[in-house]
Amino acid sequence: MSLASRFVLLSFFSYSLAWAQLPAAPPNPPSDDRYKAEILLIVAHPDDDSLAAPYLAKAIYEEHKHVSVIYGTRGNAGGNAVGNEQAASLGAVREIEGRRALASMGILDVWYLNGPDTPGQDVLHSLETWGHGASLEQVVRLVRLTRPEVILTWLPLYVAGENHDDHQAAGVLATEAFDLAGDPVAFPEQV
């Protein structure tokens, strides 16, 4: 047996022995039931939840469902007919108003992705300005945390009469996160 063959055989044996001695991976930590939500609403702006409010009210008050909400933006580019706030200060006001409104319905788990409000009709532009990869990682983390039975969101594509890029971006992120949340290879540091 040549020296090279012995080296390859010894390397393979050493690698196999080292692999066999690795400790077993620790089990995943148990789920945190404090954040379990039967319904997860993923929308773009703090006022988008109003479209689902009747359904959410029924689910909360009649069916005793726990609801959580993820917003893609704080709505800082929207109009302001009742005050002088604009841009970041308008976004802060809309966040406060949104949290208070949801809290009045018993919805306390509310997250914001920090995406800028991007008025337009190009979903790829919204995904780019939101930081698609980082936003997707956040949404996957929150889907894993809340373990929803239902995710409500905007359609991720153009529909007659509804082609706001941020709405579609929220739908894209929700759809992708739904697909990836159960995959331990996707964002493995979260698992």
Protein backbone atom coordinates (compact mmCIF):
# COMPACT_ATOMS: atom_id res chain seq x y z
CA MET A 1 0.00 0.00 0.00
CA SER A 2 1.47 3.33 -1.03
CA LEU A 3 2.09 6.17 1.39
CA ALA A 4 -0.63 8.28 -0.27
CA SER A 5 -3.17 5.45 0.06
CA ARG A 6 -2.30 5.03 3.73
CA PHE A 7 -2.72 8.78 4.30
CA VAL A 8 -6.14 8.81 2.62
CA LEU A 9 -7.26 5.76 4.60
CA LEU A 10 -5.96 7.21 7.88
CA SER A 11 -7.61 10.57 7.14
CA PHE A 12 -10.93 8.90 6.40
CA PHE A 13 -10.71 6.78 9.57
CA SER A 14 -9.80 9.82 11.70
CA TYR A 15 -12.64 11.86 10.22
CA SER A 16 -15.13 9.03 10.83
CA LEU A 17 -13.93 8.61 14.41
CA ALA A 18 -14.14 12.35 15.09
CA TRP A 19 -17.63 12.51 13.58
CA ALA A 20 -18.81 9.61 15.72
CA GLN A 21 -17.62 11.37 18.89
CA LEU A 22 -19.51 14.62 18.29
CA PRO A 23 -22.14 15.24 20.96
CA ALA A 24 -25.75 15.09 19.91
CA ALA A 25 -27.30 18.42 19.07
CA PRO A 26 -29.32 19.80 21.95
CA PRO A 27 -33.07 19.67 21.45
CA ASN A 28 -34.81 22.80 20.30
CA PRO A 29 -36.01 24.89 23.20
CA PRO A 30 -39.68 24.42 23.99
CA SER A 31 -42.12 26.80 22.37
CA ASP A 32 -42.97 29.93 24.32
CA ASP A 33 -46.74 29.88 24.69
CA ARG A 34 -46.82 33.55 25.69
CA TYR A 35 -46.56 34.44 22.00
CA LYS A 36 -48.70 31.71 20.48
CA ALA A 37 -51.23 33.27 18.11
CA GLU A 38 -54.02 31.53 16.29
CA ILE A 39 -54.11 34.42 13.80
CA LEU A 40 -51.14 36.43 12.52
CA LEU A 41 -51.92 39.52 10.46
CA ILE A 42 -49.04 40.69 8.23
CA VAL A 43 -49.73 44.03 6.53
CA ALA A 44 -47.78 47.02 5.27
CA HIS A 45 -49.13 50.05 7.16
CA PRO A 46 -50.68 50.85 10.55
CA ASP A 47 -54.08 51.48 8.99
CA ASP A 48 -54.18 48.30 6.89
CA ASP A 49 -55.45 46.27 9.82
CA SER A 50 -58.76 48.14 9.59
CA LEU A 51 -59.70 46.04 6.55
CA ALA A 52 -59.61 42.90 8.69
CA ALA A 53 -61.00 44.51 11.87
CA PRO A 54 -64.51 42.97 11.67
CA TYR A 55 -63.08 39.48 11.22
CA LEU A 56 -60.48 40.04 13.96
CA ALA A 57 -63.12 41.37 16.37
CA LYS A 58 -65.26 38.28 15.81
CA ALA A 59 -62.25 35.99 16.23
CA ILE A 60 -61.16 37.73 19.43
CA TYR A 61 -64.48 38.34 21.15
CA GLU A 62 -66.60 35.40 20.00
CA GLU A 63 -64.02 32.70 19.35
CA HIS A 64 -61.45 33.82 21.96
CA LYS A 65 -58.56 33.70 19.47
CA HIS A 66 -55.18 35.26 20.17
CA VAL A 67 -54.12 37.62 17.38
CA SER A 68 -50.70 39.11 16.62
CA VAL A 69 -49.81 41.74 14.01
CA ILE A 70 -46.71 42.52 11.94
CA TYR A 71 -46.46 45.83 10.07
CA GLY A 72 -43.93 46.31 7.29
CA THR A 73 -43.73 50.08 7.83
CA ARG A 74 -44.82 52.74 10.26
CA GLY A 75 -46.67 54.57 7.47
CA ASN A 76 -44.38 57.58 7.61
CA ALA A 77 -45.10 58.71 4.04
CA GLY A 78 -48.86 58.87 4.46
CA GLY A 79 -50.91 62.01 4.58
CA ASN A 80 -51.71 63.83 7.81
CA ALA A 81 -54.98 65.75 7.84
CA VAL A 82 -55.14 66.23 11.61
CA GLY A 83 -51.65 67.36 12.64
CA ASN A 84 -48.32 68.80 11.56
CA GLU A 85 -46.28 65.61 11.88
CA GLN A 86 -44.51 64.41 8.76
CA ALA A 87 -41.98 61.68 7.91
CA ALA A 88 -40.44 60.00 11.00
CA SER A 89 -42.62 61.89 13.48
CA LEU A 90 -45.74 60.90 11.51
CA GLY A 91 -44.54 57.29 11.60
CA ALA A 92 -44.13 57.50 15.38
CA VAL A 93 -47.65 58.92 15.78
CA ARG A 94 -49.10 56.20 13.55
CA GLU A 95 -47.28 53.52 15.55
CA ILE A 96 -48.69 54.86 18.83
CA GLU A 97 -52.19 55.08 17.35
CA GLY A 98 -51.93 51.59 15.90
CA ARG A 99 -50.71 50.03 19.14
CA ARG A 100 -53.47 51.75 21.13
CA ALA A 101 -56.18 50.72 18.68
CA LEU A 102 -55.02 47.10 18.66
CA ALA A 103 -54.65 47.05 22.44
CA SER A 104 -58.28 48.15 22.74
CA MET A 105 -59.16 44.88 20.98
CA GLY A 106 -56.80 42.85 23.15
CA ILE A 107 -54.02 42.59 20.55
CA LEU A 108 -50.78 43.22 22.42
CA ASP A 109 -48.19 41.40 20.30
CA VAL A 110 -47.39 43.94 17.58
CA TRP A 111 -44.14 44.20 15.63
CA TYR A 112 -42.81 46.69 13.06
CA LEU A 113 -40.23 45.74 10.42
CA ASN A 114 -38.87 49.29 10.05
CA GLY A 115 -39.35 49.33 6.29
CA PRO A 116 -39.70 52.80 4.79
CA ASP A 117 -43.14 53.66 3.45
CA THR A 118 -42.65 53.50 -0.34
CA PRO A 119 -45.65 54.80 -2.26
CA GLY A 120 -45.76 53.39 -5.75
CA GLN A 121 -46.70 50.35 -7.74
CA ASP A 122 -43.44 48.36 -7.93
CA VAL A 123 -43.32 45.53 -5.40
CA LEU A 124 -39.64 44.89 -6.15
CA HIS A 125 -38.87 48.50 -5.20
CA SER A 126 -40.62 48.06 -1.84
CA LEU A 127 -38.84 44.78 -1.16
CA GLU A 128 -35.51 46.41 -2.00
CA THR A 129 -36.07 49.47 0.20
CA TRP A 130 -37.35 47.30 3.06
CA GLY A 131 -34.22 45.15 2.87
CA HIS A 132 -35.88 41.99 1.56
CA GLY A 133 -33.49 39.48 3.15
CA ALA A 134 -33.40 41.12 6.59
CA SER A 135 -37.17 41.69 6.59
CA LEU A 136 -37.79 38.09 5.55
CA GLU A 137 -35.55 36.87 8.37
CA GLN A 138 -37.56 38.96 10.86
CA VAL A 139 -40.90 37.67 9.56
CA VAL A 140 -39.69 34.05 9.62
CA ARG A 141 -38.54 34.56 13.23
CA LEU A 142 -41.94 35.99 14.19
CA VAL A 143 -43.87 33.22 12.41
CA ARG A 144 -41.77 30.68 14.30
CA LEU A 145 -42.37 32.55 17.55
CA THR A 146 -46.14 32.89 17.14
CA ARG A 147 -46.81 29.55 15.39
CA PRO A 148 -50.05 30.83 13.84
CA GLU A 149 -52.81 28.61 12.56
CA VAL A 150 -53.84 31.31 10.06
CA ILE A 151 -51.83 34.09 8.41
CA LEU A 152 -53.84 36.97 6.97
CA THR A 153 -52.09 39.28 4.51
CA TRP A 154 -52.40 41.16 1.26
CA LEU A 155 -52.24 39.28 -2.03
CA PRO A 156 -48.59 39.20 -3.14
CA LEU A 157 -49.42 40.15 -6.72
CA TYR A 158 -51.25 42.78 -8.71
CA VAL A 159 -55.02 42.58 -8.47
CA ALA A 160 -57.39 44.94 -10.26
CA GLY A 161 -57.81 47.97 -8.03
CA GLU A 162 -55.08 46.91 -5.59
CA ASN A 163 -51.53 47.44 -6.73
CA HIS A 164 -49.82 49.29 -3.87
CA ASP A 165 -46.24 48.08 -3.77
CA ASP A 166 -46.00 47.97 0.04
CA HIS A 167 -49.19 45.90 0.28
CA GLN A 168 -47.81 43.42 -2.23
CA ALA A 169 -44.43 43.37 -0.43
CA ALA A 170 -46.18 42.44 2.83
CA GLY A 171 -47.93 39.62 0.96
CA VAL A 172 -44.66 38.41 -0.57
CA LEU A 173 -42.90 38.38 2.80
CA ALA A 174 -45.82 36.60 4.47
CA THR A 175 -45.93 33.94 1.76
CA GLU A 176 -42.17 33.38 1.80
CA ALA A 177 -42.07 33.28 5.61
CA PHE A 178 -44.90 30.74 5.67
CA ASP A 179 -42.88 28.51 3.34
CA LEU A 180 -39.58 28.95 5.22
CA ALA A 181 -40.67 28.91 8.87
CA GLY A 182 -40.93 25.12 8.98
CA ASP A 183 -37.58 24.59 7.23
CA PRO A 184 -34.74 24.22 9.77
CA VAL A 185 -32.21 25.01 7.03
CA ALA A 186 -33.71 28.49 6.57
CA PHE A 187 -32.16 30.88 9.10
CA PRO A 188 -30.83 27.96 11.20
CA GLU A 189 -29.59 30.26 13.97
CA GLN A 190 -33.26 30.81 14.85
CA VAL A 191 -33.95 27.12 15.36
